[in-house]
Amino acid sequence: MVDWVGLLIPLAYLSILIGSLATFSSLYRRRKAQKAANLAPWFPPHLQRNIYL
Protein backbone atom coordinates (compact mmCIF):
# COMPACT_ATOMS: atom_id res chain seq x y z
CA MET A 1 0.00 0.00 0.00
CA VAL A 2 1.22 3.49 -0.83
CA ASP A 3 1.82 5.89 2.06
CA TRP A 4 0.35 9.11 0.61
CA VAL A 5 1.46 11.34 3.49
CA GLY A 6 5.02 10.11 3.06
CA LEU A 7 4.87 11.05 -0.62
CA LEU A 8 3.03 14.36 -0.25
CA ILE A 9 5.46 15.90 2.23
CA PRO A 10 8.55 15.71 -0.05
CA LEU A 11 6.48 16.77 -3.08
CA ALA A 12 5.07 19.76 -1.18
CA TYR A 13 8.59 20.67 -0.03
CA LEU A 14 9.94 20.50 -3.58
CA SER A 15 7.05 22.51 -5.01
CA ILE A 16 7.47 25.24 -2.38
CA LEU A 17 11.24 25.27 -2.91
CA ILE A 18 11.04 25.47 -6.71
CA GLY A 19 8.23 28.03 -6.58
CA SER A 20 10.12 30.31 -4.21
CA LEU A 21 13.34 30.03 -6.24
CA ALA A 22 11.48 30.82 -9.47
CA THR A 23 9.80 33.83 -7.87
CA PHE A 24 13.08 35.14 -6.48
CA SER A 25 14.83 34.59 -9.81
CA SER A 26 12.21 36.45 -11.83
CA LEU A 27 12.10 39.38 -9.39
CA TYR A 28 15.90 39.56 -9.25
CA ARG A 29 16.29 39.53 -13.04
CA ARG A 30 13.53 42.13 -13.48
CA ARG A 31 15.14 44.50 -10.94
CA LYS A 32 18.59 43.96 -12.43
CA ALA A 33 17.28 44.74 -15.94
CA GLN A 34 15.57 47.91 -14.69
CA LYS A 35 18.77 49.04 -12.99
CA ALA A 36 20.82 48.34 -16.14
CA ALA A 37 18.32 50.25 -18.31
CA ASN A 38 18.73 53.36 -16.15
CA LEU A 39 22.51 53.49 -16.56
CA ALA A 40 24.06 56.14 -18.77
CA PRO A 41 25.62 54.82 -21.99
CA TRP A 42 29.38 54.33 -21.95
CA PHE A 43 29.94 55.86 -25.37
CA PRO A 44 28.32 58.86 -27.06
CA PRO A 45 26.04 58.43 -30.10
CA HIS A 46 27.96 57.56 -33.25
CA LEU A 47 26.00 58.03 -36.47
CA GLN A 48 28.39 56.19 -38.82
CA ARG A 49 28.55 53.16 -36.56
CA ASN A 50 24.77 53.04 -36.24
CA ILE A 51 24.37 53.19 -40.01
CA TYR A 52 27.00 50.46 -40.48
CA LEU A 53 25.36 48.14 -37.96
PDB file of N, CA and C in Angstrom:
ATOM      1  N   MET A   1       0.838  -1.186   0.000  1.00  0.00           N
ATOM      2  CA  MET A   1       0.000   0.000   0.000  1.00  0.00           C
ATOM      3  C   MET A   1       0.884   1.251   0.000  1.00  0.00           C
ATOM      4  N   VAL A   2       0.453   2.260  -0.702  1.00  0.00           N
ATOM      5  CA  VAL A   2       1.224   3.492  -0.829  1.00  0.00           C
ATOM      6  C   VAL A   2       0.922   4.408   0.350  1.00  0.00           C
ATOM      7  N   ASP A   3       1.973   4.934   0.959  1.00  0.00           N
ATOM      8  CA  ASP A   3       1.824   5.891   2.062  1.00  0.00           C
ATOM      9  C   ASP A   3       1.767   7.298   1.457  1.00  0.00           C
ATOM     10  N   TRP A   4       0.545   7.838   1.304  1.00  0.00           N
ATOM     11  CA  TRP A   4       0.355   9.113   0.614  1.00  0.00           C
ATOM     12  C   TRP A   4       0.949  10.285   1.379  1.00  0.00           C
ATOM     13  N   VAL A   5       0.891  10.244   2.696  1.00  0.00           N
ATOM     14  CA  VAL A   5       1.464  11.338   3.491  1.00  0.00           C
ATOM     15  C   VAL A   5       2.977  11.366   3.311  1.00  0.00           C
ATOM     16  N   GLY A   6       3.572  10.198   3.260  1.00  0.00           N
ATOM     17  CA  GLY A   6       5.015  10.113   3.057  1.00  0.00           C
ATOM     18  C   GLY A   6       5.439  10.614   1.687  1.00  0.00           C
ATOM     19  N   LEU A   7       4.555  10.540   0.712  1.00  0.00           N
ATOM     20  CA  LEU A   7       4.865  11.054  -0.620  1.00  0.00           C
ATOM     21  C   LEU A   7       4.532  12.535  -0.758  1.00  0.00           C
ATOM     22  N   LEU A   8       3.469  12.970  -0.102  1.00  0.00           N
ATOM     23  CA  LEU A   8       3.032  14.357  -0.251  1.00  0.00           C
ATOM     24  C   LEU A   8       3.971  15.351   0.421  1.00  0.00           C
ATOM     25  N   ILE A   9       4.571  14.976   1.524  1.00  0.00           N
ATOM     26  CA  ILE A   9       5.462  15.899   2.234  1.00  0.00           C
ATOM     27  C   ILE A   9       6.682  16.267   1.382  1.00  0.00           C
ATOM     28  N   PRO A  10       7.417  15.322   0.802  1.00  0.00           N
ATOM     29  CA  PRO A  10       8.545  15.714  -0.052  1.00  0.00           C
ATOM     30  C   PRO A  10       8.102  16.462  -1.315  1.00  0.00           C
ATOM     31  N   LEU A  11       6.961  16.065  -1.884  1.00  0.00           N
ATOM     32  CA  LEU A  11       6.481  16.768  -3.075  1.00  0.00           C
ATOM     33  C   LEU A  11       6.070  18.197  -2.746  1.00  0.00           C
ATOM     34  N   ALA A  12       5.430  18.400  -1.601  1.00  0.00           N
ATOM     35  CA  ALA A  12       5.071  19.755  -1.177  1.00  0.00           C
ATOM     36  C   ALA A  12       6.327  20.577  -0.920  1.00  0.00           C
ATOM     37  N   TYR A  13       7.324  19.980  -0.292  1.00  0.00           N
ATOM     38  CA  TYR A  13       8.586  20.672  -0.032  1.00  0.00           C
ATOM     39  C   TYR A  13       9.250  21.089  -1.342  1.00  0.00           C
ATOM     40  N   LEU A  14       9.312  20.179  -2.294  1.00  0.00           N
ATOM     41  CA  LEU A  14       9.936  20.502  -3.577  1.00  0.00           C
ATOM     42  C   LEU A  14       9.163  21.576  -4.328  1.00  0.00           C
ATOM     43  N   SER A  15       7.837  21.507  -4.301  1.00  0.00           N
ATOM     44  CA  SER A  15       7.049  22.513  -5.013  1.00  0.00           C
ATOM     45  C   SER A  15       7.212  23.888  -4.375  1.00  0.00           C
ATOM     46  N   ILE A  16       7.246  23.953  -3.051  1.00  0.00           N
ATOM     47  CA  ILE A  16       7.469  25.242  -2.376  1.00  0.00           C
ATOM     48  C   ILE A  16       8.872  25.758  -2.669  1.00  0.00           C
ATOM     49  N   LEU A  17       9.861  24.881  -2.642  1.00  0.00           N
ATOM     50  CA  LEU A  17      11.239  25.275  -2.908  1.00  0.00           C
ATOM     51  C   LEU A  17      11.401  25.792  -4.330  1.00  0.00           C
ATOM     52  N   ILE A  18      10.910  25.060  -5.304  1.00  0.00           N
ATOM     53  CA  ILE A  18      11.041  25.465  -6.706  1.00  0.00           C
ATOM     54  C   ILE A  18      10.237  26.730  -6.975  1.00  0.00           C
ATOM     55  N   GLY A  19       9.048  26.829  -6.394  1.00  0.00           N
ATOM     56  CA  GLY A  19       8.233  28.026  -6.578  1.00  0.00           C
ATOM     57  C   GLY A  19       8.888  29.263  -6.004  1.00  0.00           C
ATOM     58  N   SER A  20       9.470  29.147  -4.814  1.00  0.00           N
ATOM     59  CA  SER A  20      10.119  30.308  -4.209  1.00  0.00           C
ATOM     60  C   SER A  20      11.381  30.693  -4.974  1.00  0.00           C
ATOM     61  N   LEU A  21      12.144  29.723  -5.443  1.00  0.00           N
ATOM     62  CA  LEU A  21      13.338  30.035  -6.236  1.00  0.00           C
ATOM     63  C   LEU A  21      12.972  30.682  -7.567  1.00  0.00           C
ATOM     64  N   ALA A  22      11.911  30.217  -8.206  1.00  0.00           N
ATOM     65  CA  ALA A  22      11.478  30.816  -9.470  1.00  0.00           C
ATOM     66  C   ALA A  22      10.996  32.243  -9.254  1.00  0.00           C
ATOM     67  N   THR A  23      10.267  32.478  -8.170  1.00  0.00           N
ATOM     68  CA  THR A  23       9.796  33.831  -7.866  1.00  0.00           C
ATOM     69  C   THR A  23      10.970  34.759  -7.596  1.00  0.00           C
ATOM     70  N   PHE A  24      11.908  34.330  -6.775  1.00  0.00           N
ATOM     71  CA  PHE A  24      13.079  35.143  -6.481  1.00  0.00           C
ATOM     72  C   PHE A  24      13.878  35.428  -7.747  1.00  0.00           C
ATOM     73  N   SER A  25      14.053  34.423  -8.584  1.00  0.00           N
ATOM     74  CA  SER A  25      14.829  34.589  -9.807  1.00  0.00           C
ATOM     75  C   SER A  25      14.183  35.602 -10.741  1.00  0.00           C
ATOM     76  N   SER A  26      12.874  35.507 -10.927  1.00  0.00           N
ATOM     77  CA  SER A  26      12.208  36.447 -11.835  1.00  0.00           C
ATOM     78  C   SER A  26      12.248  37.863 -11.283  1.00  0.00           C
ATOM     79  N   LEU A  27      12.028  38.035  -9.978  1.00  0.00           N
ATOM     80  CA  LEU A  27      12.095  39.376  -9.391  1.00  0.00           C
ATOM     81  C   LEU A  27      13.509  39.940  -9.474  1.00  0.00           C
ATOM     82  N   TYR A  28      14.510  39.114  -9.204  1.00  0.00           N
ATOM     83  CA  TYR A  28      15.903  39.559  -9.249  1.00  0.00           C
ATOM     84  C   TYR A  28      16.299  39.992 -10.658  1.00  0.00           C
ATOM     85  N   ARG A  29      15.938  39.177 -11.658  1.00  0.00           N
ATOM     86  CA  ARG A  29      16.290  39.525 -13.036  1.00  0.00           C
ATOM     87  C   ARG A  29      15.562  40.779 -13.495  1.00  0.00           C
ATOM     88  N   ARG A  30      14.291  40.947 -13.093  1.00  0.00           N
ATOM     89  CA  ARG A  30      13.531  42.130 -13.475  1.00  0.00           C
ATOM     90  C   ARG A  30      14.151  43.393 -12.868  1.00  0.00           C
ATOM     91  N   ARG A  31      14.520  43.332 -11.592  1.00  0.00           N
ATOM     92  CA  ARG A  31      15.140  44.495 -10.940  1.00  0.00           C
ATOM     93  C   ARG A  31      16.508  44.795 -11.525  1.00  0.00           C
ATOM     94  N   LYS A  32      17.264  43.760 -11.844  1.00  0.00           N
ATOM     95  CA  LYS A  32      18.587  43.960 -12.428  1.00  0.00           C
ATOM     96  C   LYS A  32      18.477  44.575 -13.821  1.00  0.00           C
ATOM     97  N   ALA A  33      17.485  44.171 -14.610  1.00  0.00           N
ATOM     98  CA  ALA A  33      17.277  44.736 -15.939  1.00  0.00           C
ATOM     99  C   ALA A  33      16.837  46.194 -15.841  1.00  0.00           C
ATOM    100  N   GLN A  34      15.985  46.522 -14.866  1.00  0.00           N
ATOM    101  CA  GLN A  34      15.572  47.912 -14.691  1.00  0.00           C
ATOM    102  C   GLN A  34      16.756  48.781 -14.296  1.00  0.00           C
ATOM    103  N   LYS A  35      17.601  48.275 -13.425  1.00  0.00           N
ATOM    104  CA  LYS A  35      18.768  49.037 -12.993  1.00  0.00           C
ATOM    105  C   LYS A  35      19.734  49.244 -14.161  1.00  0.00           C
ATOM    106  N   ALA A  36      19.912  48.228 -14.999  1.00  0.00           N
ATOM    107  CA  ALA A  36      20.817  48.344 -16.144  1.00  0.00           C
ATOM    108  C   ALA A  36      20.251  49.292 -17.192  1.00  0.00           C
ATOM    109  N   ALA A  37      18.927  49.366 -17.316  1.00  0.00           N
ATOM    110  CA  ALA A  37      18.319  50.252 -18.309  1.00  0.00           C
ATOM    111  C   ALA A  37      18.469  51.713 -17.909  1.00  0.00           C
ATOM    112  N   ASN A  38      18.618  51.983 -16.618  1.00  0.00           N
ATOM    113  CA  ASN A  38      18.731  53.360 -16.154  1.00  0.00           C
ATOM    114  C   ASN A  38      20.157  53.888 -16.174  1.00  0.00           C
ATOM    115  N   LEU A  39      21.124  53.053 -16.513  1.00  0.00           N
ATOM    116  CA  LEU A  39      22.513  53.495 -16.560  1.00  0.00           C
ATOM    117  C   LEU A  39      22.763  54.368 -17.781  1.00  0.00           C
ATOM    118  N   ALA A  40      23.680  55.299 -17.632  1.00  0.00           N
ATOM    119  CA  ALA A  40      24.062  56.139 -18.770  1.00  0.00           C
ATOM    120  C   ALA A  40      24.913  55.309 -19.735  1.00  0.00           C
ATOM    121  N   PRO A  41      24.807  55.570 -21.035  1.00  0.00           N
ATOM    122  CA  PRO A  41      25.624  54.817 -21.993  1.00  0.00           C
ATOM    123  C   PRO A  41      27.111  55.134 -21.817  1.00  0.00           C
ATOM    124  N   TRP A  42      27.944  54.153 -22.100  1.00  0.00           N
ATOM    125  CA  TRP A  42      29.385  54.332 -21.950  1.00  0.00           C
ATOM    126  C   TRP A  42      29.957  55.225 -23.040  1.00  0.00           C
ATOM    127  N   PHE A  43      29.399  55.129 -24.235  1.00  0.00           N
ATOM    128  CA  PHE A  43      29.937  55.857 -25.373  1.00  0.00           C
ATOM    129  C   PHE A  43      28.875  56.802 -25.921  1.00  0.00           C
ATOM    130  N   PRO A  44      29.295  57.924 -26.489  1.00  0.00           N
ATOM    131  CA  PRO A  44      28.318  58.859 -27.064  1.00  0.00           C
ATOM    132  C   PRO A  44      27.708  58.283 -28.341  1.00  0.00           C
ATOM    133  N   PRO A  45      26.630  58.893 -28.838  1.00  0.00           N
ATOM    134  CA  PRO A  45      26.041  58.427 -30.101  1.00  0.00           C
ATOM    135  C   PRO A  45      27.052  58.541 -31.244  1.00  0.00           C
ATOM    136  N   HIS A  46      27.000  57.598 -32.144  1.00  0.00           N
ATOM    137  CA  HIS A  46      27.955  57.555 -33.251  1.00  0.00           C
ATOM    138  C   HIS A  46      27.168  57.208 -34.512  1.00  0.00           C
ATOM    139  N   LEU A  47      26.888  58.203 -35.325  1.00  0.00           N
ATOM    140  CA  LEU A  47      25.999  58.032 -36.474  1.00  0.00           C
ATOM    141  C   LEU A  47      26.539  57.013 -37.476  1.00  0.00           C
ATOM    142  N   GLN A  48      27.827  57.106 -37.830  1.00  0.00           N
ATOM    143  CA  GLN A  48      28.386  56.192 -38.823  1.00  0.00           C
ATOM    144  C   GLN A  48      28.316  54.738 -38.340  1.00  0.00           C
ATOM    145  N   ARG A  49      28.607  54.521 -37.086  1.00  0.00           N
ATOM    146  CA  ARG A  49      28.548  53.157 -36.556  1.00  0.00           C
ATOM    147  C   ARG A  49      27.114  52.630 -36.593  1.00  0.00           C
ATOM    148  N   ASN A  50      26.155  53.466 -36.234  1.00  0.00           N
ATOM    149  CA  ASN A  50      24.766  53.035 -36.236  1.00  0.00           C
ATOM    150  C   ASN A  50      24.285  52.719 -37.650  1.00  0.00           C
ATOM    151  N   ILE A  51      24.735  53.468 -38.620  1.00  0.00           N
ATOM    152  CA  ILE A  51      24.370  53.191 -40.014  1.00  0.00           C
ATOM    153  C   ILE A  51      25.016  51.882 -40.464  1.00  0.00           C
ATOM    154  N   TYR A  52      26.286  51.663 -40.086  1.00  0.00           N
ATOM    155  CA  TYR A  52      26.996  50.455 -40.484  1.00  0.00           C
ATOM    156  C   TYR A  52      26.352  49.213 -39.883  1.00  0.00           C
ATOM    157  N   LEU A  53      25.947  49.303 -38.621  1.00  0.00           N
ATOM    158  CA  LEU A  53      25.357  48.144 -37.959  1.00  0.00           C
ATOM    159  C   LEU A  53      23.954  47.943 -38.453  1.00  0.00           C
TER     160      LEU A  53
END
